[in-house]
Amino acid sequence: MTRGRAQDPNVCGVTAAIAVIDGKWKTALLWLLESGPCRPGELRRRLPGLSEKVLTQALREMEGDGLVHREVHDVLPLKTVYSLTAFGRDLSEALAPLSDWGHRRLEQLNGADQQAL
């Protein structure tokens, strides 16, 4: 789905929500930012495999969607800090039941794998 289609008022609400968190890293970034503001370097260290380019792109999209706030401190070198907005916290809370479902599914799959042995 394109990001533009996700803004169509006639599209399903779940589809519009998924478009905002679509991608490999956005849900992980939401999860990390739940615990408080983070600098980009800290986010990269906590998510091995996430490149600086992809991190920047994801954070810019999340900022554009109103999920994160970017604060630049006027010191040398520049210090940038990202935090969740109220809208981002709302999304994070809305995703909690989905996360619980996902964990139950993983447990179910793991149980099925154990029974197959």
PDB file of N, CA and C in Angstrom:
ATOM      1  N   MET A   1       0.836  -1.175   0.000  1.00  0.00           N
ATOM      2  CA  MET A   1       0.000   0.000   0.000  1.00  0.00           C
ATOM      3  C   MET A   1       0.880   1.236   0.000  1.00  0.00           C
ATOM      4  N   THR A   2       0.486   2.215  -0.766  1.00  0.00           N
ATOM      5  CA  THR A   2       1.245   3.453  -0.788  1.00  0.00           C
ATOM      6  C   THR A   2       0.856   4.305   0.403  1.00  0.00           C
ATOM      7  N   ARG A   3       1.754   5.178   0.803  1.00  0.00           N
ATOM      8  CA  ARG A   3       1.470   6.052   1.944  1.00  0.00           C
ATOM      9  C   ARG A   3       0.308   6.972   1.623  1.00  0.00           C
ATOM     10  N   GLY A   4       0.176   7.392   0.357  1.00  0.00           N
ATOM     11  CA  GLY A   4      -0.925   8.266  -0.033  1.00  0.00           C
ATOM     12  C   GLY A   4      -2.267   7.582   0.125  1.00  0.00           C
ATOM     13  N   ARG A   5      -2.349   6.304  -0.242  1.00  0.00           N
ATOM     14  CA  ARG A   5      -3.602   5.554  -0.111  1.00  0.00           C
ATOM     15  C   ARG A   5      -3.980   5.418   1.354  1.00  0.00           C
ATOM     16  N   ALA A   6      -2.999   5.366   2.239  1.00  0.00           N
ATOM     17  CA  ALA A   6      -3.266   5.231   3.669  1.00  0.00           C
ATOM     18  C   ALA A   6      -3.936   6.475   4.227  1.00  0.00           C
ATOM     19  N   GLN A   7      -3.887   7.579   3.509  1.00  0.00           N
ATOM     20  CA  GLN A   7      -4.520   8.814   3.979  1.00  0.00           C
ATOM     21  C   GLN A   7      -5.915   8.988   3.401  1.00  0.00           C
ATOM     22  N   ASP A   8      -6.355   8.034   2.594  1.00  0.00           N
ATOM     23  CA  ASP A   8      -7.689   8.062   2.007  1.00  0.00           C
ATOM     24  C   ASP A   8      -8.717   7.805   3.108  1.00  0.00           C
ATOM     25  N   PRO A   9      -9.676   8.712   3.326  1.00  0.00           N
ATOM     26  CA  PRO A   9     -10.654   8.517   4.403  1.00  0.00           C
ATOM     27  C   PRO A   9     -11.586   7.331   4.164  1.00  0.00           C
ATOM     28  N   ASN A  10     -11.601   6.801   2.939  1.00  0.00           N
ATOM     29  CA  ASN A  10     -12.479   5.674   2.634  1.00  0.00           C
ATOM     30  C   ASN A  10     -11.796   4.326   2.797  1.00  0.00           C
ATOM     31  N   VAL A  11     -10.564   4.310   3.266  1.00  0.00           N
ATOM     32  CA  VAL A  11      -9.830   3.063   3.447  1.00  0.00           C
ATOM     33  C   VAL A  11     -10.082   2.541   4.869  1.00  0.00           C
ATOM     34  N   CYS A  12      -9.964   1.250   5.042  1.00  0.00           N
ATOM     35  CA  CYS A  12     -10.134   0.616   6.356  1.00  0.00           C
ATOM     36  C   CYS A  12      -9.152   1.237   7.363  1.00  0.00           C
ATOM     37  N   GLY A  13      -9.598   1.454   8.583  1.00  0.00           N
ATOM     38  CA  GLY A  13      -8.747   2.042   9.619  1.00  0.00           C
ATOM     39  C   GLY A  13      -7.529   1.201   9.937  1.00  0.00           C
ATOM     40  N   VAL A  14      -7.685  -0.117   9.913  1.00  0.00           N
ATOM     41  CA  VAL A  14      -6.547  -0.996  10.182  1.00  0.00           C
ATOM     42  C   VAL A  14      -5.506  -0.842   9.079  1.00  0.00           C
ATOM     43  N   THR A  15      -5.969  -0.725   7.851  1.00  0.00           N
ATOM     44  CA  THR A  15      -5.057  -0.541   6.721  1.00  0.00           C
ATOM     45  C   THR A  15      -4.291   0.761   6.875  1.00  0.00           C
ATOM     46  N   ALA A  16      -4.980   1.816   7.272  1.00  0.00           N
ATOM     47  CA  ALA A  16      -4.321   3.109   7.474  1.00  0.00           C
ATOM     48  C   ALA A  16      -3.298   3.034   8.606  1.00  0.00           C
ATOM     49  N   ALA A  17      -3.623   2.312   9.670  1.00  0.00           N
ATOM     50  CA  ALA A  17      -2.692   2.171  10.794  1.00  0.00           C
ATOM     51  C   ALA A  17      -1.462   1.363  10.391  1.00  0.00           C
ATOM     52  N   ILE A  18      -1.676   0.282   9.663  1.00  0.00           N
ATOM     53  CA  ILE A  18      -0.553  -0.563   9.251  1.00  0.00           C
ATOM     54  C   ILE A  18       0.386   0.206   8.327  1.00  0.00           C
ATOM     55  N   ALA A  19      -0.154   1.077   7.501  1.00  0.00           N
ATOM     56  CA  ALA A  19       0.698   1.870   6.612  1.00  0.00           C
ATOM     57  C   ALA A  19       1.656   2.753   7.401  1.00  0.00           C
ATOM     58  N   VAL A  20       1.235   3.193   8.580  1.00  0.00           N
ATOM     59  CA  VAL A  20       2.079   4.061   9.411  1.00  0.00           C
ATOM     60  C   VAL A  20       3.208   3.274  10.057  1.00  0.00           C
ATOM     61  N   ILE A  21       2.977   2.006  10.370  1.00  0.00           N
ATOM     62  CA  ILE A  21       4.010   1.202  11.041  1.00  0.00           C
ATOM     63  C   ILE A  21       4.654   0.208  10.102  1.00  0.00           C
ATOM     64  N   ASP A  22       4.349   0.313   8.804  1.00  0.00           N
ATOM     65  CA  ASP A  22       4.887  -0.612   7.820  1.00  0.00           C
ATOM     66  C   ASP A  22       6.410  -0.491   7.758  1.00  0.00           C
ATOM     67  N   GLY A  23       7.052  -1.601   7.608  1.00  0.00           N
ATOM     68  CA  GLY A  23       8.507  -1.623   7.515  1.00  0.00           C
ATOM     69  C   GLY A  23       9.097  -2.475   8.622  1.00  0.00           C
ATOM     70  N   LYS A  24      10.343  -2.797   8.452  1.00  0.00           N
ATOM     71  CA  LYS A  24      11.014  -3.712   9.371  1.00  0.00           C
ATOM     72  C   LYS A  24      11.296  -3.087  10.742  1.00  0.00           C
ATOM     73  N   TRP A  25      11.524  -1.778  10.802  1.00  0.00           N
ATOM     74  CA  TRP A  25      12.081  -1.179  12.013  1.00  0.00           C
ATOM     75  C   TRP A  25      11.128  -0.299  12.812  1.00  0.00           C
ATOM     76  N   LYS A  26      10.038   0.141  12.237  1.00  0.00           N
ATOM     77  CA  LYS A  26       9.205   1.140  12.915  1.00  0.00           C
ATOM     78  C   LYS A  26       8.606   0.643  14.225  1.00  0.00           C
ATOM     79  N   THR A  27       8.127  -0.590  14.251  1.00  0.00           N
ATOM     80  CA  THR A  27       7.557  -1.082  15.505  1.00  0.00           C
ATOM     81  C   THR A  27       8.647  -1.228  16.571  1.00  0.00           C
ATOM     82  N   ALA A  28       9.829  -1.639  16.172  1.00  0.00           N
ATOM     83  CA  ALA A  28      10.934  -1.747  17.132  1.00  0.00           C
ATOM     84  C   ALA A  28      11.321  -0.364  17.652  1.00  0.00           C
ATOM     85  N   LEU A  29      11.319   0.630  16.773  1.00  0.00           N
ATOM     86  CA  LEU A  29      11.638   1.992  17.202  1.00  0.00           C
ATOM     87  C   LEU A  29      10.573   2.517  18.169  1.00  0.00           C
ATOM     88  N   LEU A  30       9.300   2.246  17.877  1.00  0.00           N
ATOM     89  CA  LEU A  30       8.232   2.632  18.806  1.00  0.00           C
ATOM     90  C   LEU A  30       8.463   2.003  20.166  1.00  0.00           C
ATOM     91  N   TRP A  31       8.784   0.718  20.162  1.00  0.00           N
ATOM     92  CA  TRP A  31       8.996  -0.025  21.397  1.00  0.00           C
ATOM     93  C   TRP A  31      10.152   0.578  22.203  1.00  0.00           C
ATOM     94  N   LEU A  32      11.249   0.900  21.525  1.00  0.00           N
ATOM     95  CA  LEU A  32      12.398   1.481  22.235  1.00  0.00           C
ATOM     96  C   LEU A  32      12.079   2.877  22.771  1.00  0.00           C
ATOM     97  N   LEU A  33      11.366   3.663  21.999  1.00  0.00           N
ATOM     98  CA  LEU A  33      11.054   5.029  22.417  1.00  0.00           C
ATOM     99  C   LEU A  33      10.001   5.088  23.518  1.00  0.00           C
ATOM    100  N   GLU A  34       9.299   3.984  23.752  1.00  0.00           N
ATOM    101  CA  GLU A  34       8.350   3.924  24.870  1.00  0.00           C
ATOM    102  C   GLU A  34       9.057   4.164  26.199  1.00  0.00           C
ATOM    103  N   SER A  35      10.298   3.729  26.299  1.00  0.00           N
ATOM    104  CA  SER A  35      11.024   3.842  27.564  1.00  0.00           C
ATOM    105  C   SER A  35      11.622   5.228  27.778  1.00  0.00           C
ATOM    106  N   GLY A  36      11.491   6.107  26.787  1.00  0.00           N
ATOM    107  CA  GLY A  36      11.983   7.471  26.956  1.00  0.00           C
ATOM    108  C   GLY A  36      12.762   7.953  25.750  1.00  0.00           C
ATOM    109  N   PRO A  37      13.116   9.231  25.763  1.00  0.00           N
ATOM    110  CA  PRO A  37      13.840   9.819  24.632  1.00  0.00           C
ATOM    111  C   PRO A  37      15.168   9.119  24.376  1.00  0.00           C
ATOM    112  N   CYS A  38      15.545   9.056  23.103  1.00  0.00           N
ATOM    113  CA  CYS A  38      16.803   8.411  22.712  1.00  0.00           C
ATOM    114  C   CYS A  38      17.476   9.212  21.617  1.00  0.00           C
ATOM    115  N   ARG A  39      18.780   9.162  21.628  1.00  0.00           N
ATOM    116  CA  ARG A  39      19.562   9.724  20.533  1.00  0.00           C
ATOM    117  C   ARG A  39      19.676   8.674  19.432  1.00  0.00           C
ATOM    118  N   PRO A  40      19.862   9.104  18.189  1.00  0.00           N
ATOM    119  CA  PRO A  40      19.934   8.150  17.081  1.00  0.00           C
ATOM    120  C   PRO A  40      21.010   7.071  17.259  1.00  0.00           C
ATOM    121  N   GLY A  41      22.159   7.447  17.772  1.00  0.00           N
ATOM    122  CA  GLY A  41      23.228   6.466  17.980  1.00  0.00           C
ATOM    123  C   GLY A  41      22.821   5.374  18.950  1.00  0.00           C
ATOM    124  N   GLU A  42      22.084   5.746  19.981  1.00  0.00           N
ATOM    125  CA  GLU A  42      21.611   4.763  20.958  1.00  0.00           C
ATOM    126  C   GLU A  42      20.604   3.805  20.305  1.00  0.00           C
ATOM    127  N   LEU A  43      19.730   4.356  19.470  1.00  0.00           N
ATOM    128  CA  LEU A  43      18.760   3.512  18.774  1.00  0.00           C
ATOM    129  C   LEU A  43      19.481   2.512  17.871  1.00  0.00           C
ATOM    130  N   ARG A  44      20.508   2.964  17.165  1.00  0.00           N
ATOM    131  CA  ARG A  44      21.268   2.062  16.280  1.00  0.00           C
ATOM    132  C   ARG A  44      21.976   0.974  17.066  1.00  0.00           C
ATOM    133  N   ARG A  45      22.538   1.327  18.201  1.00  0.00           N
ATOM    134  CA  ARG A  45      23.235   0.331  19.023  1.00  0.00           C
ATOM    135  C   ARG A  45      22.265  -0.729  19.540  1.00  0.00           C
ATOM    136  N   ARG A  46      21.053  -0.314  19.846  1.00  0.00           N
ATOM    137  CA  ARG A  46      20.074  -1.243  20.408  1.00  0.00           C
ATOM    138  C   ARG A  46      19.359  -2.071  19.344  1.00  0.00           C
ATOM    139  N   LEU A  47      19.549  -1.719  18.073  1.00  0.00           N
ATOM    140  CA  LEU A  47      18.940  -2.464  16.964  1.00  0.00           C
ATOM    141  C   LEU A  47      20.026  -2.855  15.963  1.00  0.00           C
ATOM    142  N   PRO A  48      20.782  -3.902  16.260  1.00  0.00           N
ATOM    143  CA  PRO A  48      21.835  -4.331  15.346  1.00  0.00           C
ATOM    144  C   PRO A  48      21.257  -4.637  13.960  1.00  0.00           C
ATOM    145  N   GLY A  49      21.966  -4.215  12.952  1.00  0.00           N
ATOM    146  CA  GLY A  49      21.507  -4.428  11.586  1.00  0.00           C
ATOM    147  C   GLY A  49      20.792  -3.240  10.988  1.00  0.00           C
ATOM    148  N   LEU A  50      20.459  -2.268  11.812  1.00  0.00           N
ATOM    149  CA  LEU A  50      19.774  -1.062  11.342  1.00  0.00           C
ATOM    150  C   LEU A  50      20.829  -0.055  10.891  1.00  0.00           C
ATOM    151  N   SER A  51      20.803   0.300   9.615  1.00  0.00           N
ATOM    152  CA  SER A  51      21.789   1.255   9.100  1.00  0.00           C
ATOM    153  C   SER A  51      21.373   2.682   9.442  1.00  0.00           C
ATOM    154  N   GLU A  52      22.332   3.578   9.407  1.00  0.00           N
ATOM    155  CA  GLU A  52      22.051   4.984   9.701  1.00  0.00           C
ATOM    156  C   GLU A  52      21.048   5.564   8.698  1.00  0.00           C
ATOM    157  N   LYS A  53      21.210   5.196   7.438  1.00  0.00           N
ATOM    158  CA  LYS A  53      20.317   5.694   6.390  1.00  0.00           C
ATOM    159  C   LYS A  53      18.872   5.259   6.638  1.00  0.00           C
ATOM    160  N   VAL A  54      18.670   3.976   6.921  1.00  0.00           N
ATOM    161  CA  VAL A  54      17.325   3.454   7.151  1.00  0.00           C
ATOM    162  C   VAL A  54      16.737   4.028   8.437  1.00  0.00           C
ATOM    163  N   LEU A  55      17.563   4.180   9.468  1.00  0.00           N
ATOM    164  CA  LEU A  55      17.103   4.794  10.713  1.00  0.00           C
ATOM    165  C   LEU A  55      16.609   6.209  10.458  1.00  0.00           C
ATOM    166  N   THR A  56      17.401   6.991   9.747  1.00  0.00           N
ATOM    167  CA  THR A  56      17.017   8.366   9.449  1.00  0.00           C
ATOM    168  C   THR A  56      15.716   8.410   8.661  1.00  0.00           C
ATOM    169  N   GLN A  57      15.603   7.551   7.668  1.00  0.00           N
ATOM    170  CA  GLN A  57      14.389   7.507   6.849  1.00  0.00           C
ATOM    171  C   GLN A  57      13.169   7.137   7.689  1.00  0.00           C
ATOM    172  N   ALA A  58      13.291   6.107   8.525  1.00  0.00           N
ATOM    173  CA  ALA A  58      12.170   5.669   9.353  1.00  0.00           C
ATOM    174  C   ALA A  58      11.760   6.754  10.339  1.00  0.00           C
ATOM    175  N   LEU A  59      12.741   7.385  10.987  1.00  0.00           N
ATOM    176  CA  LEU A  59      12.419   8.429  11.955  1.00  0.00           C
ATOM    177  C   LEU A  59      11.773   9.637  11.280  1.00  0.00           C
ATOM    178  N   ARG A  60      12.224   9.986  10.084  1.00  0.00           N
ATOM    179  CA  ARG A  60      11.610  11.111   9.361  1.00  0.00           C
ATOM    180  C   ARG A  60      10.164  10.794   8.995  1.00  0.00           C
ATOM    181  N   GLU A  61       9.917   9.561   8.541  1.00  0.00           N
ATOM    182  CA  GLU A  61       8.541   9.169   8.228  1.00  0.00           C
ATOM    183  C   GLU A  61       7.680   9.180   9.482  1.00  0.00           C
ATOM    184  N   MET A  62       8.217   8.672  10.583  1.00  0.00           N
ATOM    185  CA  MET A  62       7.471   8.641  11.835  1.00  0.00           C
ATOM    186  C   MET A  62       7.207  10.059  12.350  1.00  0.00           C
ATOM    187  N   GLU A  63       8.168  10.942  12.143  1.00  0.00           N
ATOM    188  CA  GLU A  63       7.970  12.347  12.520  1.00  0.00           C
ATOM    189  C   GLU A  63       6.879  12.962  11.640  1.00  0.00           C
ATOM    190  N   GLY A  64       6.923  12.687  10.356  1.00  0.00           N
ATOM    191  CA  GLY A  64       5.914  13.198   9.436  1.00  0.00           C
ATOM    192  C   GLY A  64       4.520  12.682   9.755  1.00  0.00           C
ATOM    193  N   ASP A  65       4.439  11.461  10.300  1.00  0.00           N
ATOM    194  CA  ASP A  65       3.155  10.876  10.675  1.00  0.00           C
ATOM    195  C   ASP A  65       2.712  11.311  12.074  1.00  0.00           C
ATOM    196  N   GLY A  66       3.530  12.127  12.735  1.00  0.00           N
ATOM    197  CA  GLY A  66       3.157  12.633  14.053  1.00  0.00           C
ATOM    198  C   GLY A  66       3.395  11.671  15.192  1.00  0.00           C
ATOM    199  N   LEU A  67       4.226  10.645  14.976  1.00  0.00           N
ATOM    200  CA  LEU A  67       4.485   9.648  16.015  1.00  0.00           C
ATOM    201  C   LEU A  67       5.652  10.004  16.911  1.00  0.00           C
ATOM    202  N   VAL A  68       6.659  10.654  16.345  1.00  0.00           N
ATOM    203  CA  VAL A  68       7.839  11.020  17.134  1.00  0.00           C
ATOM    204  C   VAL A  68       8.112  12.513  17.017  1.00  0.00           C
ATOM    205  N   HIS A  69       8.763  13.016  18.048  1.00  0.00           N
ATOM    206  CA  HIS A  69       9.194  14.409  18.082  1.00  0.00           C
ATOM    207  C   HIS A  69      10.711  14.428  17.998  1.00  0.00           C
ATOM    208  N   ARG A  70      11.230  15.279  17.139  1.00  0.00           N
ATOM    209  CA  ARG A  70      12.680  15.417  16.967  1.00  0.00           C
ATOM    210  C   ARG A  70      13.089  16.742  17.584  1.00  0.00           C
ATOM    211  N   GLU A  71      14.012  16.665  18.515  1.00  0.00           N
ATOM    212  CA  GLU A  71      14.503  17.868  19.187  1.00  0.00           C
ATOM    213  C   GLU A  71      16.004  17.988  18.947  1.00  0.00           C
ATOM    214  N   VAL A  72      16.414  19.124  18.392  1.00  0.00           N
ATOM    215  CA  VAL A  72      17.828  19.370  18.118  1.00  0.00           C
ATOM    216  C   VAL A  72      18.330  20.400  19.118  1.00  0.00           C
ATOM    217  N   HIS A  73      19.341  20.018  19.891  1.00  0.00           N
ATOM    218  CA  HIS A  73      19.941  20.923  20.868  1.00  0.00           C
ATOM    219  C   HIS A  73      21.084  21.673  20.196  1.00  0.00           C
ATOM    220  N   ASP A  74      21.126  22.960  20.403  1.00  0.00           N
ATOM    221  CA  ASP A  74      22.110  23.820  19.744  1.00  0.00           C
ATOM    222  C   ASP A  74      23.434  23.815  20.506  1.00  0.00           C
ATOM    223  N   VAL A  75      24.099  22.672  20.422  1.00  0.00           N
ATOM    224  CA  VAL A  75      25.436  22.532  21.015  1.00  0.00           C
ATOM    225  C   VAL A  75      26.323  21.925  19.936  1.00  0.00           C
ATOM    226  N   LEU A  76      27.625  22.031  20.132  1.00  0.00           N
ATOM    227  CA  LEU A  76      28.549  21.421  19.182  1.00  0.00           C
ATOM    228  C   LEU A  76      29.181  20.198  19.814  1.00  0.00           C
ATOM    229  N   PRO A  77      29.153  19.055  19.200  1.00  0.00           N
ATOM    230  CA  PRO A  77      28.403  18.759  17.978  1.00  0.00           C
ATOM    231  C   PRO A  77      26.902  18.758  18.276  1.00  0.00           C
ATOM    232  N   LEU A  78      26.097  18.899  17.215  1.00  0.00           N
ATOM    233  CA  LEU A  78      24.655  18.934  17.386  1.00  0.00           C
ATOM    234  C   LEU A  78      24.170  17.673  18.098  1.00  0.00           C
ATOM    235  N   LYS A  79      23.215  17.858  18.966  1.00  0.00           N
ATOM    236  CA  LYS A  79      22.649  16.744  19.714  1.00  0.00           C
ATOM    237  C   LYS A  79      21.179  16.630  19.335  1.00  0.00           C
ATOM    238  N   THR A  80      20.805  15.487  18.760  1.00  0.00           N
ATOM    239  CA  THR A  80      19.427  15.247  18.354  1.00  0.00           C
ATOM    240  C   THR A  80      18.836  14.161  19.245  1.00  0.00           C
ATOM    241  N   VAL A  81      17.623  14.410  19.712  1.00  0.00           N
ATOM    242  CA  VAL A  81      16.930  13.465  20.584  1.00  0.00           C
ATOM    243  C   VAL A  81      15.532  13.224  20.018  1.00  0.00           C
ATOM    244  N   TYR A  82      15.137  11.953  19.982  1.00  0.00           N
ATOM    245  CA  TYR A  82      13.806  11.583  19.516  1.00  0.00           C
ATOM    246  C   TYR A  82      12.982  11.064  20.688  1.00  0.00           C
ATOM    247  N   SER A  83      11.705  11.416  20.690  1.00  0.00           N
ATOM    248  CA  SER A  83      10.788  10.929  21.715  1.00  0.00           C
ATOM    249  C   SER A  83       9.423  10.700  21.082  1.00  0.00           C
ATOM    250  N   LEU A  84       8.605   9.908  21.754  1.00  0.00           N
ATOM    251  CA  LEU A  84       7.255   9.670  21.259  1.00  0.00           C
ATOM    252  C   LEU A  84       6.382  10.883  21.541  1.00  0.00           C
ATOM    253  N   THR A  85       5.513  11.194  20.608  1.00  0.00           N
ATOM    254  CA  THR A  85       4.481  12.202  20.835  1.00  0.00           C
ATOM    255  C   THR A  85       3.318  11.506  21.545  1.00  0.00           C
ATOM    256  N   ALA A  86       2.329  12.275  21.949  1.00  0.00           N
ATOM    257  CA  ALA A  86       1.132  11.678  22.550  1.00  0.00           C
ATOM    258  C   ALA A  86       0.466  10.730  21.551  1.00  0.00           C
ATOM    259  N   PHE A  87       0.461  11.103  20.274  1.00  0.00           N
ATOM    260  CA  PHE A  87      -0.112  10.264  19.230  1.00  0.00           C
ATOM    261  C   PHE A  87       0.677   8.967  19.083  1.00  0.00           C
ATOM    262  N   GLY A  88       1.999   9.066  19.201  1.00  0.00           N
ATOM    263  CA  GLY A  88       2.849   7.882  19.148  1.00  0.00           C
ATOM    264  C   GLY A  88       2.614   6.963  20.332  1.00  0.00           C
ATOM    265  N   ARG A  89       2.412   7.543  21.526  1.00  0.00           N
ATOM    266  CA  ARG A  89       2.112   6.732  22.707  1.00  0.00           C
ATOM    267  C   ARG A  89       0.752   6.045  22.545  1.00  0.00           C
ATOM    268  N   ASP A  90      -0.212   6.760  21.954  1.00  0.00           N
ATOM    269  CA  ASP A  90      -1.523   6.152  21.682  1.00  0.00           C
ATOM    270  C   ASP A  90      -1.377   4.933  20.775  1.00  0.00           C
ATOM    271  N   LEU A  91      -0.580   5.075  19.722  1.00  0.00           N
ATOM    272  CA  LEU A  91      -0.363   3.956  18.800  1.00  0.00           C
ATOM    273  C   LEU A  91       0.317   2.803  19.516  1.00  0.00           C
ATOM    274  N   SER A  92       1.300   3.111  20.326  1.00  0.00           N
ATOM    275  CA  SER A  92       2.019   2.081  21.064  1.00  0.00           C
ATOM    276  C   SER A  92       1.068   1.307  21.980  1.00  0.00           C
ATOM    277  N   GLU A  93       0.178   2.024  22.657  1.00  0.00           N
ATOM    278  CA  GLU A  93      -0.804   1.378  23.526  1.00  0.00           C
ATOM    279  C   GLU A  93      -1.774   0.531  22.707  1.00  0.00           C
ATOM    280  N   ALA A  94      -2.150   1.018  21.534  1.00  0.00           N
ATOM    281  CA  ALA A  94      -3.065   0.268  20.673  1.00  0.00           C
ATOM    282  C   ALA A  94      -2.415  -1.015  20.155  1.00  0.00           C
ATOM    283  N   LEU A  95      -1.094  -0.997  19.991  1.00  0.00           N
ATOM    284  CA  LEU A  95      -0.377  -2.173  19.485  1.00  0.00           C
ATOM    285  C   LEU A  95      -0.116  -3.220  20.566  1.00  0.00           C
ATOM    286  N   ALA A  96      -0.264  -2.858  21.839  1.00  0.00           N
ATOM    287  CA  ALA A  96       0.028  -3.796  22.930  1.00  0.00           C
ATOM    288  C   ALA A  96      -0.776  -5.088  22.820  1.00  0.00           C
ATOM    289  N   PRO A  97      -2.102  -5.035  22.579  1.00  0.00           N
ATOM    290  CA  PRO A  97      -2.839  -6.304  22.431  1.00  0.00           C
ATOM    291  C   PRO A  97      -2.368  -7.121  21.222  1.00  0.00           C
ATOM    292  N   LEU A  98      -1.982  -6.461  20.158  1.00  0.00           N
ATOM    293  CA  LEU A  98      -1.464  -7.172  18.987  1.00  0.00           C
ATOM    294  C   LEU A  98      -0.142  -7.855  19.341  1.00  0.00           C
ATOM    295  N   SER A  99       0.679  -7.181  20.134  1.00  0.00           N
ATOM    296  CA  SER A  99       1.936  -7.770  20.592  1.00  0.00           C
ATOM    297  C   SER A  99       1.666  -9.013  21.439  1.00  0.00           C
ATOM    298  N   ASP A 100       0.691  -8.923  22.330  1.00  0.00           N
ATOM    299  CA  ASP A 100       0.337 -10.079  23.154  1.00  0.00           C
ATOM    300  C   ASP A 100      -0.106 -11.245  22.286  1.00  0.00           C
ATOM    301  N   TRP A 101      -0.927 -10.951  21.277  1.00  0.00           N
ATOM    302  CA  TRP A 101      -1.386 -11.986  20.354  1.00  0.00           C
ATOM    303  C   TRP A 101      -0.189 -12.624  19.642  1.00  0.00           C
ATOM    304  N   GLY A 102       0.744 -11.795  19.203  1.00  0.00           N
ATOM    305  CA  GLY A 102       1.928 -12.295  18.520  1.00  0.00           C
ATOM    306  C   GLY A 102       2.748 -13.229  19.390  1.00  0.00           C
ATOM    307  N   HIS A 103       2.894 -12.871  20.679  1.00  0.00           N
ATOM    308  CA  HIS A 103       3.639 -13.742  21.599  1.00  0.00           C
ATOM    309  C   HIS A 103       2.919 -15.080  21.788  1.00  0.00           C
ATOM    310  N   ARG A 104       1.579 -15.025  21.909  1.00  0.00           N
ATOM    311  CA  ARG A 104       0.820 -16.275  22.030  1.00  0.00           C
ATOM    312  C   ARG A 104       0.985 -17.132  20.778  1.00  0.00           C
ATOM    313  N   ARG A 105       0.993 -16.504  19.628  1.00  0.00           N
ATOM    314  CA  ARG A 105       1.171 -17.248  18.368  1.00  0.00           C
ATOM    315  C   ARG A 105       2.546 -17.909  18.331  1.00  0.00           C
ATOM    316  N   LEU A 106       3.578 -17.164  18.739  1.00  0.00           N
ATOM    317  CA  LEU A 106       4.925 -17.752  18.757  1.00  0.00           C
ATOM    318  C   LEU A 106       4.996 -18.946  19.705  1.00  0.00           C
ATOM    319  N   GLU A 107       4.335 -18.828  20.864  1.00  0.00           N
ATOM    320  CA  GLU A 107       4.306 -19.944  21.809  1.00  0.00           C
ATOM    321  C   GLU A 107       3.588 -21.141  21.203  1.00  0.00           C
ATOM    322  N   GLN A 108       2.492 -20.873  20.500  1.00  0.00           N
ATOM    323  CA  GLN A 108       1.735 -21.944  19.848  1.00  0.00           C
ATOM    324  C   GLN A 108       2.588 -22.639  18.790  1.00  0.00           C
ATOM    325  N   LEU A 109       3.280 -21.843  17.977  1.00  0.00           N
ATOM    326  CA  LEU A 109       4.146 -22.411  16.951  1.00  0.00           C
ATOM    327  C   LEU A 109       5.279 -23.216  17.569  1.00  0.00           C
ATOM    328  N   ASN A 110       5.837 -22.698  18.650  1.00  0.00           N
ATOM    329  CA  ASN A 110       6.921 -23.407  19.338  1.00  0.00           C
ATOM    330  C   ASN A 110       6.410 -24.710  19.912  1.00  0.00           C
ATOM    331  N   GLY A 111       5.201 -24.720  20.457  1.00  0.00           N
ATOM    332  CA  GLY A 111       4.603 -25.948  20.985  1.00  0.00           C
ATOM    333  C   GLY A 111       4.361 -26.966  19.885  1.00  0.00           C
ATOM    334  N   ALA A 112       3.927 -26.510  18.723  1.00  0.00           N
ATOM    335  CA  ALA A 112       3.701 -27.402  17.589  1.00  0.00           C
ATOM    336  C   ALA A 112       5.022 -27.998  17.108  1.00  0.00           C
ATOM    337  N   ASP A 113       6.067 -27.183  17.116  1.00  0.00           N
ATOM    338  CA  ASP A 113       7.393 -27.675  16.716  1.00  0.00           C
ATOM    339  C   ASP A 113       7.885 -28.742  17.683  1.00  0.00           C
ATOM    340  N   GLN A 114       7.651 -28.530  18.986  1.00  0.00           N
ATOM    341  CA  GLN A 114       8.097 -29.491  20.004  1.00  0.00           C
ATOM    342  C   GLN A 114       7.344 -30.812  19.872  1.00  0.00           C
ATOM    343  N   GLN A 115       6.051 -30.744  19.525  1.00  0.00           N
ATOM    344  CA  GLN A 115       5.250 -31.958  19.378  1.00  0.00           C
ATOM    345  C   GLN A 115       5.662 -32.747  18.136  1.00  0.00           C
ATOM    346  N   ALA A 116       6.179 -32.056  17.131  1.00  0.00           N
ATOM    347  CA  ALA A 116       6.594 -32.721  15.905  1.00  0.00           C
ATOM    348  C   ALA A 116       7.869 -33.542  16.115  1.00  0.00           C
ATOM    349  N   LEU A 117       8.628 -33.215  17.138  1.00  0.00           N
ATOM    350  CA  LEU A 117       9.892 -33.934  17.390  1.00  0.00           C
ATOM    351  C   LEU A 117       9.648 -35.255  17.987  1.00  0.00           C
TER     352      LEU A 117
END
